[in-house]
Each structure stands twice: as C-alpha cells, then as structure tokens.
C-alpha cells in the first residue's frame, strides 16, 4: 500500500506543483512590490497636490482679507486729494459771476 501511493505521485506531478507554487509566489511578490510602490507614489502625489491646493487657497484668503485695506487706502487718498484741492482754493477765486 505504501508503494502504490508513492507510485501515483510521479516526479512530473511534483515538478508541476513546485512550478505552480513558484509562479504564484513570484507573481504575488512582484504584485506586492508594484502595489506598494504605486501606493507610496500615489500618497506622495496626493500630498503634493494637497499642499499646492492648500497654499493656493491660503493665498487667496489672505488676498481677500487685504482687499478692504486697499479699498480704504484708495478712498482715503481720493478724499485727501479732494480735501486738499478744496482747501487750496482761495476764498476770492470762485467760478461764479461774483454779484
């Protein structure tokens, strides 16, 4: 009985099983390496995109926050210019007919 079970398991079948196991192990290992490399690359790319977008949003928010200051400065200059123009006119020089 012991001899018969060994005879049924030929060297050809043993080589097939070893070959299939080696192929599966190789494919699994290579797949793991490719996937882990892709995953780390994707994480780096996503981090870079997040940083770029975050920086752009931050710059826009800062710009919008400083916009009222620019508007106030422009209005102050306009008012100062108009006020200084009005105060520079002498009281006797009017554009009216002078009745």
N, C-alpha and C. Protein backbone atom coordinates (compact mmCIF):
# COMPACT_ATOMS: atom_id res chain seq x y z
N UNK A 1 0.80 -1.19 0.00
CA UNK A 1 0.00 0.00 0.00
C UNK A 1 0.86 1.27 0.00
N UNK A 2 1.94 1.26 0.76
CA UNK A 2 2.83 2.40 0.80
C UNK A 2 3.48 2.67 -0.55
N UNK A 3 3.79 1.62 -1.28
CA UNK A 3 4.42 1.75 -2.57
C UNK A 3 3.46 2.30 -3.61
N UNK A 4 2.22 1.91 -3.55
CA UNK A 4 1.24 2.35 -4.53
C UNK A 4 0.98 3.85 -4.45
N UNK A 5 0.90 4.40 -3.23
CA UNK A 5 0.62 5.83 -3.09
C UNK A 5 1.79 6.66 -3.59
N UNK A 6 3.02 6.17 -3.44
CA UNK A 6 4.18 6.87 -3.97
C UNK A 6 4.23 6.78 -5.48
N UNK A 7 3.79 5.69 -6.01
CA UNK A 7 3.82 5.49 -7.45
C UNK A 7 2.81 6.42 -8.14
N UNK A 8 1.68 6.70 -7.46
CA UNK A 8 0.67 7.58 -8.04
C UNK A 8 1.16 9.03 -8.10
N UNK A 9 2.05 9.38 -7.20
CA UNK A 9 2.59 10.74 -7.16
C UNK A 9 3.91 10.75 -7.92
N UNK A 10 3.84 11.08 -9.19
CA UNK A 10 5.03 10.99 -10.05
C UNK A 10 5.89 12.25 -9.91
N UNK A 11 7.09 12.15 -10.42
CA UNK A 11 8.02 13.28 -10.42
C UNK A 11 7.46 14.39 -11.30
N UNK A 12 6.81 14.04 -12.36
CA UNK A 12 6.20 15.02 -13.27
C UNK A 12 5.20 15.89 -12.51
N UNK A 13 4.36 15.25 -11.71
CA UNK A 13 3.37 15.99 -10.92
C UNK A 13 4.04 16.85 -9.85
N UNK A 14 5.10 16.33 -9.24
CA UNK A 14 5.83 17.10 -8.22
C UNK A 14 6.43 18.36 -8.85
N UNK A 15 7.01 18.22 -10.03
CA UNK A 15 7.59 19.37 -10.72
C UNK A 15 6.51 20.37 -11.09
N UNK A 16 5.37 19.89 -11.53
CA UNK A 16 4.25 20.79 -11.85
C UNK A 16 3.81 21.58 -10.62
N UNK A 17 3.67 20.90 -9.51
CA UNK A 17 3.23 21.58 -8.28
C UNK A 17 4.26 22.60 -7.83
N UNK A 18 5.54 22.22 -7.85
CA UNK A 18 6.61 23.16 -7.46
C UNK A 18 6.63 24.35 -8.41
N UNK A 19 6.47 24.10 -9.70
CA UNK A 19 6.46 25.19 -10.68
C UNK A 19 5.29 26.13 -10.45
N UNK A 20 4.11 25.57 -10.22
CA UNK A 20 2.92 26.39 -10.00
C UNK A 20 3.08 27.21 -8.71
N UNK A 21 3.58 26.59 -7.66
CA UNK A 21 3.80 27.31 -6.41
C UNK A 21 4.84 28.43 -6.58
N UNK A 22 5.91 28.13 -7.31
CA UNK A 22 6.94 29.14 -7.56
C UNK A 22 6.38 30.30 -8.37
N UNK A 23 5.56 29.99 -9.37
CA UNK A 23 4.95 31.05 -10.19
C UNK A 23 4.01 31.92 -9.35
N UNK A 24 3.17 31.25 -8.54
CA UNK A 24 2.24 32.00 -7.68
C UNK A 24 2.99 32.88 -6.69
N UNK A 25 4.05 32.35 -6.11
CA UNK A 25 4.85 33.12 -5.16
C UNK A 25 5.53 34.31 -5.87
N UNK A 26 6.05 34.07 -7.05
CA UNK A 26 6.70 35.15 -7.81
C UNK A 26 5.70 36.22 -8.20
N UNK A 27 4.56 35.80 -8.72
CA UNK A 27 3.54 36.77 -9.13
C UNK A 27 3.04 37.55 -7.92
N UNK A 28 2.83 36.85 -6.81
CA UNK A 28 2.39 37.53 -5.59
C UNK A 28 3.42 38.53 -5.08
N UNK A 29 4.69 38.14 -5.08
CA UNK A 29 5.76 39.04 -4.62
C UNK A 29 5.91 40.25 -5.51
N UNK A 30 5.93 40.02 -6.81
CA UNK A 30 6.05 41.13 -7.76
C UNK A 30 4.84 42.04 -7.67
N UNK A 31 3.66 41.46 -7.56
CA UNK A 31 2.44 42.25 -7.41
C UNK A 31 2.48 43.11 -6.17
N UNK A 32 2.96 42.52 -5.06
CA UNK A 32 3.07 43.28 -3.81
C UNK A 32 4.04 44.45 -3.96
N UNK A 33 5.20 44.19 -4.57
CA UNK A 33 6.19 45.26 -4.76
C UNK A 33 5.63 46.38 -5.64
N UNK A 34 4.97 46.01 -6.71
CA UNK A 34 4.39 47.01 -7.61
C UNK A 34 3.31 47.80 -6.89
N UNK A 35 2.43 47.11 -6.17
CA UNK A 35 1.34 47.78 -5.47
C UNK A 35 1.86 48.70 -4.38
N UNK A 36 2.85 48.25 -3.60
CA UNK A 36 3.37 49.09 -2.53
C UNK A 36 4.10 50.31 -3.11
N UNK A 37 4.82 50.13 -4.21
CA UNK A 37 5.47 51.27 -4.87
C UNK A 37 4.45 52.25 -5.42
N UNK A 38 3.41 51.71 -6.02
CA UNK A 38 2.35 52.57 -6.55
C UNK A 38 1.64 53.31 -5.43
N UNK A 39 1.39 52.63 -4.32
CA UNK A 39 0.70 53.24 -3.20
C UNK A 39 1.52 54.38 -2.60
N UNK A 40 2.80 54.17 -2.41
CA UNK A 40 3.64 55.23 -1.85
C UNK A 40 3.75 56.40 -2.83
N UNK A 41 3.83 56.09 -4.11
CA UNK A 41 3.88 57.15 -5.11
C UNK A 41 2.57 57.93 -5.14
N UNK A 42 1.46 57.24 -5.03
CA UNK A 42 0.16 57.90 -5.00
C UNK A 42 0.03 58.78 -3.76
N UNK A 43 0.53 58.31 -2.63
CA UNK A 43 0.47 59.11 -1.41
C UNK A 43 1.32 60.37 -1.54
N UNK A 44 2.51 60.25 -2.12
CA UNK A 44 3.36 61.42 -2.32
C UNK A 44 2.70 62.41 -3.26
N UNK A 45 2.13 61.91 -4.34
CA UNK A 45 1.46 62.79 -5.30
C UNK A 45 0.26 63.48 -4.67
N UNK A 46 -0.53 62.73 -3.92
CA UNK A 46 -1.69 63.31 -3.25
C UNK A 46 -1.25 64.36 -2.24
N UNK A 47 -0.19 64.10 -1.50
CA UNK A 47 0.34 65.08 -0.55
C UNK A 47 0.79 66.35 -1.24
N UNK A 48 1.45 66.19 -2.36
CA UNK A 48 1.91 67.35 -3.13
C UNK A 48 0.73 68.17 -3.65
N UNK A 49 -0.29 67.48 -4.14
CA UNK A 49 -1.48 68.18 -4.64
C UNK A 49 -2.19 68.91 -3.51
N UNK A 50 -2.31 68.25 -2.36
CA UNK A 50 -2.97 68.87 -1.21
C UNK A 50 -2.20 70.11 -0.77
N UNK A 51 -0.88 70.01 -0.74
CA UNK A 51 -0.06 71.15 -0.34
C UNK A 51 -0.21 72.31 -1.31
N UNK A 52 -0.19 72.02 -2.60
CA UNK A 52 -0.33 73.07 -3.61
C UNK A 52 -1.71 73.74 -3.53
N UNK A 53 -2.75 72.93 -3.42
CA UNK A 53 -4.10 73.49 -3.35
C UNK A 53 -4.28 74.28 -2.06
N UNK A 54 -3.77 73.76 -0.95
CA UNK A 54 -3.86 74.46 0.33
C UNK A 54 -3.15 75.80 0.29
N UNK A 55 -1.98 75.81 -0.33
CA UNK A 55 -1.22 77.06 -0.46
C UNK A 55 -1.99 78.07 -1.32
N UNK A 56 -2.58 77.60 -2.40
CA UNK A 56 -3.36 78.49 -3.26
C UNK A 56 -4.57 79.06 -2.54
N UNK A 57 -5.27 78.22 -1.79
CA UNK A 57 -6.44 78.68 -1.03
C UNK A 57 -6.00 79.70 0.02
N UNK A 58 -4.92 79.39 0.72
CA UNK A 58 -4.41 80.32 1.74
C UNK A 58 -4.07 81.67 1.12
N UNK A 59 -3.38 81.66 -0.01
CA UNK A 59 -3.01 82.92 -0.67
C UNK A 59 -4.24 83.71 -1.09
N UNK A 60 -5.26 83.05 -1.59
CA UNK A 60 -6.48 83.75 -1.99
C UNK A 60 -7.20 84.34 -0.79
N UNK A 61 -7.27 83.59 0.30
CA UNK A 61 -7.93 84.10 1.50
C UNK A 61 -7.19 85.33 2.04
N UNK A 62 -5.87 85.25 2.08
CA UNK A 62 -5.07 86.40 2.54
C UNK A 62 -5.30 87.59 1.61
N UNK A 63 -5.35 87.33 0.32
CA UNK A 63 -5.59 88.41 -0.64
C UNK A 63 -6.96 89.04 -0.42
N UNK A 64 -7.98 88.22 -0.22
CA UNK A 64 -9.32 88.75 0.03
C UNK A 64 -9.39 89.50 1.36
N UNK A 65 -8.61 89.07 2.34
CA UNK A 65 -8.62 89.77 3.63
C UNK A 65 -7.93 91.13 3.53
N UNK A 66 -6.95 91.27 2.64
CA UNK A 66 -6.26 92.55 2.48
C UNK A 66 -6.97 93.48 1.51
N UNK A 67 -7.92 92.99 0.78
CA UNK A 67 -8.63 93.81 -0.21
C UNK A 67 -9.33 95.01 0.43
N UNK A 68 -10.02 94.86 1.56
CA UNK A 68 -10.63 96.04 2.18
C UNK A 68 -9.60 97.11 2.56
N UNK A 69 -8.41 96.69 2.98
CA UNK A 69 -7.36 97.67 3.29
C UNK A 69 -6.99 98.48 2.06
N UNK A 70 -6.87 97.81 0.91
CA UNK A 70 -6.54 98.51 -0.33
C UNK A 70 -7.65 99.47 -0.72
N UNK A 71 -8.88 99.03 -0.56
CA UNK A 71 -10.03 99.90 -0.89
C UNK A 71 -10.04 101.10 0.04
N UNK A 72 -9.82 100.89 1.33
CA UNK A 72 -9.79 102.00 2.28
C UNK A 72 -8.67 102.97 1.98
N UNK A 73 -7.49 102.46 1.63
CA UNK A 73 -6.37 103.33 1.28
C UNK A 73 -6.69 104.17 0.04
N UNK A 74 -7.28 103.53 -0.98
CA UNK A 74 -7.63 104.27 -2.20
C UNK A 74 -8.68 105.35 -1.90
N UNK A 75 -9.69 105.02 -1.10
CA UNK A 75 -10.71 106.00 -0.74
C UNK A 75 -10.12 107.13 0.09
N UNK A 76 -9.21 106.83 1.02
CA UNK A 76 -8.56 107.86 1.82
C UNK A 76 -7.78 108.81 0.93
N UNK A 77 -7.05 108.29 -0.05
CA UNK A 77 -6.28 109.14 -0.96
C UNK A 77 -7.19 110.03 -1.79
N UNK A 78 -8.30 109.45 -2.23
CA UNK A 78 -9.26 110.26 -3.01
C UNK A 78 -9.82 111.39 -2.15
N UNK A 79 -10.19 111.07 -0.93
CA UNK A 79 -10.76 112.09 -0.03
C UNK A 79 -9.70 113.13 0.31
N UNK A 80 -8.47 112.70 0.59
CA UNK A 80 -7.41 113.66 0.91
C UNK A 80 -7.13 114.58 -0.28
N UNK A 81 -7.12 113.99 -1.48
CA UNK A 81 -6.86 114.79 -2.68
C UNK A 81 -8.00 115.79 -2.89
N UNK A 82 -9.21 115.35 -2.72
CA UNK A 82 -10.36 116.25 -2.89
C UNK A 82 -10.35 117.32 -1.81
N UNK A 83 -10.02 116.99 -0.59
CA UNK A 83 -9.99 117.94 0.52
C UNK A 83 -8.88 118.96 0.32
N UNK A 84 -7.70 118.47 -0.09
CA UNK A 84 -6.59 119.40 -0.30
C UNK A 84 -6.85 120.31 -1.49
N UNK A 85 -7.57 119.85 -2.49
CA UNK A 85 -7.91 120.68 -3.62
C UNK A 85 -8.90 121.76 -3.19
N UNK A 86 -9.85 121.41 -2.34
CA UNK A 86 -10.83 122.37 -1.85
C UNK A 86 -10.19 123.40 -0.94
N UNK A 87 -9.27 123.03 -0.12
CA UNK A 87 -8.65 123.97 0.82
C UNK A 87 -7.61 124.84 0.13
N UNK A 88 -7.11 124.43 -1.02
CA UNK A 88 -6.11 125.21 -1.73
C UNK A 88 -6.75 126.40 -2.45
N UNK A 89 -8.01 126.33 -2.75
CA UNK A 89 -8.68 127.44 -3.44
C UNK A 89 -8.79 128.61 -2.47
N UNK A 90 -8.49 129.75 -2.94
CA UNK A 90 -8.63 130.94 -2.09
C UNK A 90 -10.07 131.38 -2.07
N UNK A 91 -10.53 132.03 -1.03
CA UNK A 91 -11.93 132.40 -0.93
C UNK A 91 -12.40 133.36 -2.02
N UNK A 92 -11.54 134.15 -2.54
CA UNK A 92 -11.96 135.13 -3.55
C UNK A 92 -11.98 134.59 -4.96
N UNK A 93 -11.50 133.44 -5.21
CA UNK A 93 -11.44 132.91 -6.56
C UNK A 93 -12.56 131.89 -6.75
N UNK A 94 -13.65 132.35 -7.08
CA UNK A 94 -14.79 131.50 -7.28
C UNK A 94 -15.14 131.53 -8.75
N UNK A 95 -15.72 130.50 -9.24
CA UNK A 95 -16.06 130.45 -10.64
C UNK A 95 -17.40 131.10 -10.92
N UNK A 96 -18.05 131.60 -9.87
CA UNK A 96 -19.36 132.25 -10.09
C UNK A 96 -19.14 133.64 -10.64
N UNK A 97 -20.21 134.30 -11.04
CA UNK A 97 -20.11 135.59 -11.69
C UNK A 97 -19.77 136.69 -10.70
N UNK A 98 -19.92 136.48 -9.40
CA UNK A 98 -19.48 137.43 -8.40
C UNK A 98 -20.40 138.57 -8.13
N UNK A 99 -21.66 138.46 -8.16
CA UNK A 99 -22.59 139.56 -7.86
C UNK A 99 -22.35 140.10 -6.54
